[in-house]
Amino acid sequence: MDFTLSPEIEDYRLRVREFVAEYIRPIEADRANMDEHENIRDDVLAPLRDKARQAGLWALQMPKDRGGQGLPIVGMAACYEEMGRSIFGPVCFNSAAPDDGNMILLNRVATEAQKERWLQPIIDGKVRSSFVMTEPMPGSGSDPSAMKTTATRKGDSWIINGRKWFITGAGVAQHFILMAKTSNDPRKGLTAFLFDADQPGWEIVRRIPIMGPEEHGGHCEIHFDGLEIKDENRLMEVGDGLKATQIRLGTARLTHCMRWTGMAKRALEETFDYIGKRESFGLKLADHEGVQWMLGEAAMQIDIGRLLTMRAAAKLDSGDFARKEVSMAKIVVADALHKAIDTAIQLVGARGYSKDTPLEWMYRYARQARLVDGASETHKMVLARYLLNEDIDFWSWD
């Protein structure tokens, strides 16, 4: 097991790190650069995106012939971690959710015509996108088979009716990937569709207020009332919706882990200067045994999550779905993120709780990590099923 990065990936990683330090962190330091939802303002973001393109760091996850950099998932893990060291980092490189996961899915399964129409504008940064699956109770959440939104065939079109909510990015998205029920088959009852924001038959009911800072476009509740989608804009075959969801969410869940690892590292970095200078009871804070225990524990948990993320990335690169490995990474990294930020706030005291550092921003943001793309409890159920099915082979070395 060799964890050494290839020279190409290491070069990308170092260039991303330098870009974040030189261009993004100074922007992040001034809260005037935030929009009303505590994300980077679009007018501030645009020049940074242009710089990332010029630096050859744009859309690392996409093929070179489509304007990306063609990195494998292991390479993405190393670079996304570096992006995550700024709260504004990933979006500057066109590697933020939900666009990132949508691009990966479309690149994997869309027809060439669909890639030109729906994928390329997202890669180019001309439009943003959204993945439309989660529904209000009693509809689908962690269990897609409970979906209530329907797609009914009408000639060469499909008519969509239903309701979705907590749809990330919907407020600014132009291109949407929609999951809808096309039959009662428990495994083949869902189908994926593509639609444009300008089409009639749907509306954003509200942008749902949330505890933490928001992604661009927020988290929206959507109502469908007769949205008509041409069959040519169906993604994959009828009944392949669950498969499309699994393809998208496998890598998308892991890219969250990559970015969160960078944020967790950044949280600890925020303490270094303070604990190295602040004296308490005759010692610098960094020399207190209790402080060292807190730092050591948080650093260890970050590295455990990082190793799980890399293992899952390597399995995905090999063509494996890596469901078990992705679930483990998702659980551990979500917990490590919260622990790192909580530890950092405790160590820098009241200043960490204030808006003088990005820690309180991170703390509110991090709470969603145990919920998005499958609650931690759901992923633990996945692991239990694998354990009961595989017995001792659950811990195989393959």
Protein backbone atom coordinates (compact mmCIF):
# COMPACT_ATOMS: atom_id res chain seq x y z
CA MET A 1 0.00 0.00 0.00
CA ASP A 2 1.74 3.10 -1.27
CA PHE A 3 0.16 6.42 -0.32
CA THR A 4 2.63 8.47 -2.34
CA LEU A 5 0.92 10.79 -4.80
CA SER A 6 2.05 10.71 -8.42
CA PRO A 7 4.19 13.68 -9.49
CA GLU A 8 1.29 15.00 -11.59
CA ILE A 9 -1.21 14.88 -8.72
CA GLU A 10 1.30 16.32 -6.26
CA ASP A 11 1.89 19.22 -8.64
CA TYR A 12 -1.83 19.92 -8.86
CA ARG A 13 -2.17 19.67 -5.07
CA LEU A 14 0.61 22.15 -4.41
CA ARG A 15 -0.72 24.58 -7.00
CA VAL A 16 -4.20 24.43 -5.49
CA ARG A 17 -2.70 25.06 -2.03
CA GLU A 18 -0.77 28.08 -3.32
CA PHE A 19 -3.82 29.43 -5.15
CA VAL A 20 -5.97 29.19 -2.01
CA ALA A 21 -3.30 30.95 0.07
CA GLU A 22 -2.56 33.70 -2.44
CA TYR A 23 -5.96 34.53 -3.88
CA ILE A 24 -8.84 33.03 -1.86
CA ARG A 25 -7.87 33.33 1.81
CA PRO A 26 -7.37 37.13 1.57
CA ILE A 27 -10.87 37.46 0.06
CA GLU A 28 -12.33 35.21 2.75
CA ALA A 29 -10.80 37.36 5.50
CA ASP A 30 -13.11 40.29 4.68
CA ARG A 31 -16.75 39.55 5.49
CA ALA A 32 -17.79 42.34 3.13
CA ASN A 33 -17.12 39.78 0.38
CA MET A 34 -20.00 37.62 1.62
CA ASP A 35 -23.51 37.75 0.21
CA GLU A 36 -26.65 37.85 2.37
CA HIS A 37 -26.48 34.07 2.78
CA GLU A 38 -22.86 34.11 4.04
CA ASN A 39 -21.28 32.72 0.91
CA ILE A 40 -18.91 34.49 -1.45
CA ARG A 41 -20.61 37.20 -3.52
CA ASP A 42 -20.94 36.36 -7.21
CA ASP A 43 -19.19 39.54 -8.31
CA VAL A 44 -16.23 38.64 -6.10
CA LEU A 45 -16.30 35.00 -7.18
CA ALA A 46 -16.16 35.62 -10.94
CA PRO A 47 -12.57 37.00 -11.04
CA LEU A 48 -11.35 34.14 -8.85
CA ARG A 49 -12.91 31.62 -11.21
CA ASP A 50 -11.20 33.31 -14.14
CA LYS A 51 -7.86 33.08 -12.32
CA ALA A 52 -8.44 29.37 -11.61
CA ARG A 53 -9.07 28.75 -15.32
CA GLN A 54 -5.93 30.64 -16.28
CA ALA A 55 -3.93 28.66 -13.71
CA GLY A 56 -5.07 25.34 -15.20
CA LEU A 57 -6.96 24.41 -12.01
CA TRP A 58 -10.51 24.49 -13.37
CA ALA A 59 -12.88 21.50 -13.01
CA LEU A 60 -10.17 19.03 -11.98
CA GLN A 61 -12.72 16.20 -12.01
CA MET A 62 -13.75 16.57 -15.66
CA PRO A 63 -12.01 15.17 -18.78
CA LYS A 64 -9.44 17.34 -20.49
CA ASP A 65 -11.33 17.26 -23.77
CA ARG A 66 -14.24 18.97 -22.01
CA GLY A 67 -12.15 21.67 -20.38
CA GLY A 68 -11.26 19.91 -17.15
CA GLN A 69 -8.02 18.43 -15.88
CA GLY A 70 -8.88 14.71 -15.99
CA LEU A 71 -7.77 13.81 -12.47
CA PRO A 72 -8.65 10.40 -11.02
CA ILE A 73 -10.68 10.30 -7.83
CA VAL A 74 -7.55 9.82 -5.72
CA GLY A 75 -6.19 13.01 -7.28
CA MET A 76 -9.45 14.78 -6.59
CA ALA A 77 -9.20 13.74 -2.93
CA ALA A 78 -5.76 15.30 -2.53
CA CYS A 79 -6.74 18.54 -4.30
CA TYR A 80 -10.25 18.94 -2.88
CA GLU A 81 -8.73 18.71 0.59
CA GLU A 82 -6.55 21.70 -0.24
CA MET A 83 -9.55 23.62 -1.63
CA GLY A 84 -11.46 22.90 1.55
CA ARG A 85 -8.93 24.87 3.60
CA SER A 86 -10.90 27.96 2.65
CA ILE A 87 -14.63 28.31 3.23
CA PHE A 88 -14.82 29.80 -0.28
CA GLY A 89 -12.38 27.36 -1.89
CA PRO A 90 -14.26 24.64 -3.81
CA VAL A 91 -16.63 26.93 -5.72
CA CYS A 92 -13.69 28.94 -7.08
CA PHE A 93 -12.42 25.81 -8.90
CA ASN A 94 -15.89 24.65 -10.05
CA SER A 95 -15.61 21.74 -7.64
CA ALA A 96 -18.42 22.55 -5.21
CA ALA A 97 -21.65 20.68 -4.51
CA PRO A 98 -24.08 20.16 -6.14
CA ASP A 99 -22.49 21.00 -9.51
CA ASP A 100 -19.58 18.67 -8.85
CA GLY A 101 -21.73 15.56 -8.37
CA ASN A 102 -24.01 16.49 -11.25
CA MET A 103 -21.07 16.87 -13.62
CA ILE A 104 -19.67 13.50 -12.59
CA LEU A 105 -23.02 11.75 -13.14
CA LEU A 106 -23.67 13.38 -16.53
CA ASN A 107 -20.16 12.65 -17.71
CA ARG A 108 -20.61 9.00 -16.76
CA VAL A 109 -24.05 8.23 -18.17
CA ALA A 110 -25.38 10.98 -20.48
CA THR A 111 -25.49 10.59 -24.26
CA GLU A 112 -23.15 12.75 -26.30
CA ALA A 113 -26.03 15.02 -27.27
CA GLN A 114 -27.06 15.34 -23.62
CA LYS A 115 -23.49 16.15 -22.59
CA GLU A 116 -23.35 19.01 -25.07
CA ARG A 117 -26.75 20.38 -23.99
CA TRP A 118 -26.70 19.79 -20.24
CA LEU A 119 -23.14 19.05 -19.06
CA GLN A 120 -20.83 21.35 -21.00
CA PRO A 121 -22.40 24.63 -19.79
CA ILE A 122 -21.92 23.48 -16.18
CA ILE A 123 -18.27 22.61 -16.83
CA ASP A 124 -17.76 25.98 -18.53
CA GLY A 125 -19.23 27.77 -15.53
CA LYS A 126 -21.98 29.35 -17.64
CA VAL A 127 -24.80 27.80 -15.58
CA ARG A 128 -25.29 26.17 -12.22
CA SER A 129 -27.21 22.96 -11.61
CA SER A 130 -29.25 21.08 -9.03
CA PHE A 131 -30.13 17.48 -8.17
CA VAL A 132 -33.83 17.12 -7.36
CA MET A 133 -34.65 14.07 -5.25
CA THR A 134 -35.56 14.70 -1.57
CA GLU A 135 -39.25 15.10 -0.70
CA PRO A 136 -41.33 16.18 2.29
CA MET A 137 -42.72 13.39 4.48
CA PRO A 138 -44.03 10.85 3.57
CA GLY A 139 -41.93 11.07 0.41
CA SER A 140 -38.38 9.99 -0.26
CA GLY A 141 -35.44 10.97 1.91
CA SER A 142 -32.77 8.41 2.66
CA ASP A 143 -35.13 5.84 1.12
CA PRO A 144 -35.64 6.72 -2.59
CA SER A 145 -38.23 3.96 -2.99
CA ALA A 146 -40.69 6.12 -1.00
CA MET A 147 -40.78 8.72 -3.79
CA LYS A 148 -44.14 10.39 -4.45
CA THR A 149 -43.29 12.73 -7.36
CA THR A 150 -44.53 11.06 -10.55
CA ALA A 151 -43.57 11.11 -14.20
CA THR A 152 -46.41 9.98 -16.46
CA ARG A 153 -45.79 9.11 -20.12
CA LYS A 154 -47.67 11.22 -22.67
CA GLY A 155 -46.61 10.53 -26.25
CA ASP A 156 -42.94 11.46 -26.58
CA SER A 157 -43.00 13.42 -23.33
CA TRP A 158 -43.30 12.89 -19.57
CA ILE A 159 -45.55 14.95 -17.29
CA ILE A 160 -44.15 15.65 -13.81
CA ASN A 161 -46.27 16.27 -10.73
CA GLY A 162 -45.18 16.38 -7.10
CA ARG A 163 -43.18 18.23 -4.50
CA LYS A 164 -39.52 18.29 -3.51
CA TRP A 165 -37.63 20.08 -0.76
CA PHE A 166 -34.15 20.86 0.54
CA ILE A 167 -33.01 20.95 -3.08
CA THR A 168 -29.52 22.41 -2.90
CA GLY A 169 -28.67 25.18 -5.35
CA ALA A 170 -32.15 25.34 -6.88
CA GLY A 171 -32.43 29.09 -6.35
CA VAL A 172 -29.77 29.85 -8.96
CA ALA A 173 -29.69 26.63 -11.00
CA GLN A 174 -30.44 26.58 -14.72
CA HIS A 175 -30.02 22.84 -15.33
CA PHE A 176 -31.77 20.26 -13.17
CA ILE A 177 -31.51 16.48 -12.77
CA LEU A 178 -34.88 15.24 -11.51
CA MET A 179 -35.75 11.88 -9.96
CA ALA A 180 -39.38 10.80 -10.39
CA LYS A 181 -41.50 7.68 -10.00
CA THR A 182 -42.44 5.96 -13.26
CA SER A 183 -43.73 2.64 -11.87
CA ASN A 184 -44.33 0.76 -8.63
CA ASP A 185 -41.40 -1.59 -9.15
CA PRO A 186 -39.32 -1.41 -5.93
CA ARG A 187 -36.00 -1.56 -7.84
CA LYS A 188 -36.89 -0.17 -11.27
CA GLY A 189 -39.60 2.32 -10.36
CA LEU A 190 -37.58 5.52 -10.61
CA THR A 191 -36.33 7.38 -13.67
CA ALA A 192 -34.00 10.37 -14.06
CA PHE A 193 -34.86 13.39 -16.21
CA LEU A 194 -33.22 16.66 -17.28
CA PHE A 195 -35.04 19.97 -17.37
CA ASP A 196 -34.23 23.66 -17.71
CA ALA A 197 -35.21 26.41 -15.28
CA ASP A 198 -37.02 28.29 -18.08
CA GLN A 199 -39.53 25.49 -18.69
CA PRO A 200 -43.10 26.07 -17.42
CA GLY A 201 -44.88 23.73 -15.03
CA TRP A 202 -42.78 24.12 -11.90
CA GLU A 203 -42.01 26.74 -9.27
CA ILE A 204 -39.81 27.38 -6.27
CA VAL A 205 -42.21 27.63 -3.32
CA ARG A 206 -39.59 28.99 -0.94
CA ARG A 207 -35.91 29.10 -0.11
CA ILE A 208 -35.83 27.23 3.20
CA PRO A 209 -34.04 29.12 5.99
CA ILE A 210 -31.31 26.99 7.56
CA MET A 211 -29.03 27.17 10.59
CA GLY A 212 -25.76 27.48 8.77
CA PRO A 213 -24.28 29.39 5.84
CA GLU A 214 -25.87 28.40 2.54
CA GLU A 215 -24.59 27.05 -0.73
CA HIS A 216 -25.21 29.33 -3.70
CA GLY A 217 -28.90 28.95 -4.51
CA GLY A 218 -29.81 27.77 -1.04
CA HIS A 219 -32.01 24.80 -0.20
CA CYS A 220 -35.39 25.14 -1.85
CA GLU A 221 -38.87 23.65 -1.78
CA ILE A 222 -40.18 22.99 -5.29
CA HIS A 223 -43.66 22.25 -6.65
CA PHE A 224 -44.23 20.47 -9.97
CA ASP A 225 -47.58 20.94 -11.65
CA GLY A 226 -47.53 19.51 -15.15
CA LEU A 227 -43.88 20.09 -16.07
CA GLU A 228 -43.44 18.52 -19.51
CA ILE A 229 -40.08 16.88 -20.29
CA LYS A 230 -39.30 15.45 -23.73
CA ASP A 231 -38.25 11.81 -23.71
CA GLU A 232 -34.94 12.81 -25.32
CA ASN A 233 -34.17 14.50 -22.00
CA ARG A 234 -34.61 11.31 -20.03
CA LEU A 235 -31.29 10.31 -18.44
CA MET A 236 -30.46 6.60 -18.87
CA GLU A 237 -33.25 4.06 -19.41
CA VAL A 238 -36.72 4.07 -17.90
CA GLY A 239 -36.38 2.51 -14.46
CA ASP A 240 -32.67 3.32 -14.09
CA GLY A 241 -33.24 6.19 -11.67
CA LEU A 242 -32.03 4.32 -8.60
CA LYS A 243 -28.90 3.29 -10.49
CA ALA A 244 -28.28 6.91 -11.52
CA THR A 245 -28.71 7.99 -7.91
CA GLN A 246 -26.19 5.41 -6.71
CA ILE A 247 -23.67 6.44 -9.37
CA ARG A 248 -23.99 10.09 -8.44
CA LEU A 249 -24.11 9.79 -4.68
CA GLY A 250 -21.19 7.38 -4.34
CA THR A 251 -18.64 9.87 -5.61
CA ALA A 252 -20.56 12.95 -4.39
CA ARG A 253 -20.58 11.68 -0.81
CA LEU A 254 -16.86 11.14 -1.01
CA THR A 255 -16.17 14.59 -2.44
CA HIS A 256 -17.91 16.00 0.64
CA CYS A 257 -15.43 14.03 2.75
CA MET A 258 -12.52 15.43 0.75
CA ARG A 259 -13.61 19.02 1.24
CA TRP A 260 -14.57 18.50 4.89
CA THR A 261 -11.12 17.08 5.64
CA GLY A 262 -9.61 20.33 4.42
CA MET A 263 -12.01 22.36 6.54
CA ALA A 264 -11.23 20.25 9.62
CA LYS A 265 -7.51 20.83 9.10
CA ARG A 266 -8.10 24.55 8.67
CA ALA A 267 -10.02 24.67 11.96
CA LEU A 268 -7.02 23.33 13.87
CA GLU A 269 -4.71 25.68 11.97
CA GLU A 270 -6.77 28.58 13.30
CA THR A 271 -5.56 27.74 16.81
CA PHE A 272 -1.81 27.47 16.21
CA ASP A 273 -0.82 31.12 16.50
CA TYR A 274 -3.01 31.73 19.56
CA ILE A 275 -2.02 28.69 21.62
CA GLY A 276 1.62 29.26 20.70
CA LYS A 277 1.58 32.78 22.21
CA ARG A 278 -1.17 32.84 24.83
CA GLU A 279 0.13 32.15 28.36
CA SER A 280 -1.96 30.66 31.15
CA PHE A 281 -0.72 29.69 34.62
CA GLY A 282 2.89 30.24 33.66
CA LEU A 283 2.83 28.17 30.45
CA LYS A 284 1.91 28.76 26.85
CA LEU A 285 -1.37 27.01 26.07
CA ALA A 286 0.41 24.73 23.61
CA ASP A 287 2.58 23.42 26.47
CA HIS A 288 -0.38 22.35 28.61
CA GLU A 289 -0.88 18.60 28.54
CA GLY A 290 -4.66 18.96 28.33
CA VAL A 291 -4.41 21.15 25.25
CA GLN A 292 -2.04 18.66 23.62
CA TRP A 293 -4.52 15.86 24.27
CA MET A 294 -7.29 17.86 22.59
CA LEU A 295 -5.15 18.65 19.55
CA GLY A 296 -3.78 15.13 19.25
CA GLU A 297 -7.24 13.54 19.40
CA ALA A 298 -8.68 15.89 16.77
CA ALA A 299 -5.67 15.45 14.48
CA MET A 300 -5.89 11.66 14.77
CA GLN A 301 -9.59 11.63 13.87
CA ILE A 302 -8.92 13.82 10.83
CA ASP A 303 -6.25 11.43 9.61
CA ILE A 304 -8.44 8.37 10.15
CA GLY A 305 -11.14 9.99 8.02
CA ARG A 306 -8.58 11.02 5.45
CA LEU A 307 -7.27 7.46 5.08
CA LEU A 308 -10.80 6.08 4.76
CA THR A 309 -11.52 8.69 2.10
CA MET A 310 -8.41 7.75 0.14
CA ARG A 311 -9.21 4.05 0.35
CA ALA A 312 -12.72 4.66 -0.98
CA ALA A 313 -11.31 6.89 -3.73
CA ALA A 314 -8.90 4.18 -4.83
CA LYS A 315 -11.72 1.62 -4.97
CA LEU A 316 -13.91 3.98 -7.01
CA ASP A 317 -10.99 4.51 -9.41
CA SER A 318 -10.78 0.73 -9.81
CA GLY A 319 -14.41 0.60 -10.97
CA ASP A 320 -15.84 -0.62 -7.65
CA PHE A 321 -18.96 1.11 -6.27
CA ALA A 322 -17.16 1.19 -2.87
CA ARG A 323 -20.49 1.56 -1.04
CA LYS A 324 -19.13 0.18 2.21
CA GLU A 325 -15.96 2.27 2.06
CA VAL A 326 -17.81 5.47 1.15
CA SER A 327 -20.26 4.97 4.03
CA MET A 328 -17.41 4.50 6.51
CA ALA A 329 -15.66 7.63 5.26
CA LYS A 330 -18.86 9.67 5.36
CA ILE A 331 -19.57 8.75 8.99
CA VAL A 332 -16.04 9.25 10.29
CA VAL A 333 -15.23 12.46 8.41
CA ALA A 334 -18.53 14.10 9.41
CA ASP A 335 -17.71 13.40 13.07
CA ALA A 336 -14.07 14.46 12.67
CA LEU A 337 -15.14 17.75 11.11
CA HIS A 338 -17.36 18.62 14.05
CA LYS A 339 -14.74 17.53 16.59
CA ALA A 340 -11.98 19.58 14.95
CA ILE A 341 -14.07 22.77 14.83
CA ASP A 342 -15.44 22.29 18.33
CA THR A 343 -11.90 21.72 19.63
CA ALA A 344 -10.62 24.82 17.85
CA ILE A 345 -13.37 27.02 19.30
CA GLN A 346 -12.66 25.69 22.78
CA LEU A 347 -8.94 26.39 22.45
CA VAL A 348 -9.22 29.97 21.19
CA GLY A 349 -12.07 30.73 23.58
CA ALA A 350 -14.49 33.60 23.09
CA ARG A 351 -12.73 34.75 19.93
CA GLY A 352 -13.62 31.44 18.26
CA TYR A 353 -17.25 31.97 19.16
CA SER A 354 -17.16 35.44 17.65
CA LYS A 355 -17.12 36.40 13.99
CA ASP A 356 -13.47 37.50 14.22
CA THR A 357 -12.47 34.05 12.93
CA PRO A 358 -14.21 31.71 10.45
CA LEU A 359 -14.71 29.08 13.18
CA GLU A 360 -18.29 30.00 14.08
CA TRP A 361 -19.14 29.94 10.34
CA MET A 362 -17.59 26.48 10.08
CA TYR A 363 -19.36 25.26 13.22
CA ARG A 364 -22.81 26.11 11.87
CA TYR A 365 -21.93 24.69 8.47
CA ALA A 366 -20.55 21.44 9.90
CA ARG A 367 -23.77 20.33 11.58
CA GLN A 368 -25.23 19.37 8.22
CA ALA A 369 -22.39 16.91 7.57
CA ARG A 370 -24.12 14.16 9.55
CA LEU A 371 -27.32 14.67 7.54
CA VAL A 372 -26.58 15.48 3.89
CA ASP A 373 -26.28 12.67 1.32
CA GLY A 374 -27.55 10.16 3.85
CA ALA A 375 -27.70 10.51 7.62
CA SER A 376 -24.91 8.83 9.58
CA GLU A 377 -27.41 6.34 10.98
CA THR A 378 -28.40 5.27 7.47
CA HIS A 379 -24.77 4.66 6.56
CA LYS A 380 -24.32 2.60 9.74
CA MET A 381 -27.26 0.46 8.62
CA VAL A 382 -25.47 -0.05 5.30
CA LEU A 383 -22.35 -1.20 7.13
CA ALA A 384 -24.36 -3.58 9.33
CA ARG A 385 -25.93 -5.19 6.26
CA TYR A 386 -22.49 -5.70 4.71
CA LEU A 387 -21.16 -7.14 7.96
CA LEU A 388 -24.02 -9.62 8.32
CA ASN A 389 -23.71 -10.65 4.67
CA GLU A 390 -19.91 -10.88 4.45
CA ASP A 391 -19.10 -12.11 7.95
CA ILE A 392 -15.32 -12.03 8.52
CA ASP A 393 -14.73 -11.04 4.87
CA PHE A 394 -16.08 -7.60 5.80
CA TRP A 395 -12.47 -6.82 6.73
CA SER A 396 -10.88 -8.26 3.58
CA TRP A 397 -7.75 -6.61 2.13
CA ASP A 398 -8.94 -6.44 -1.48
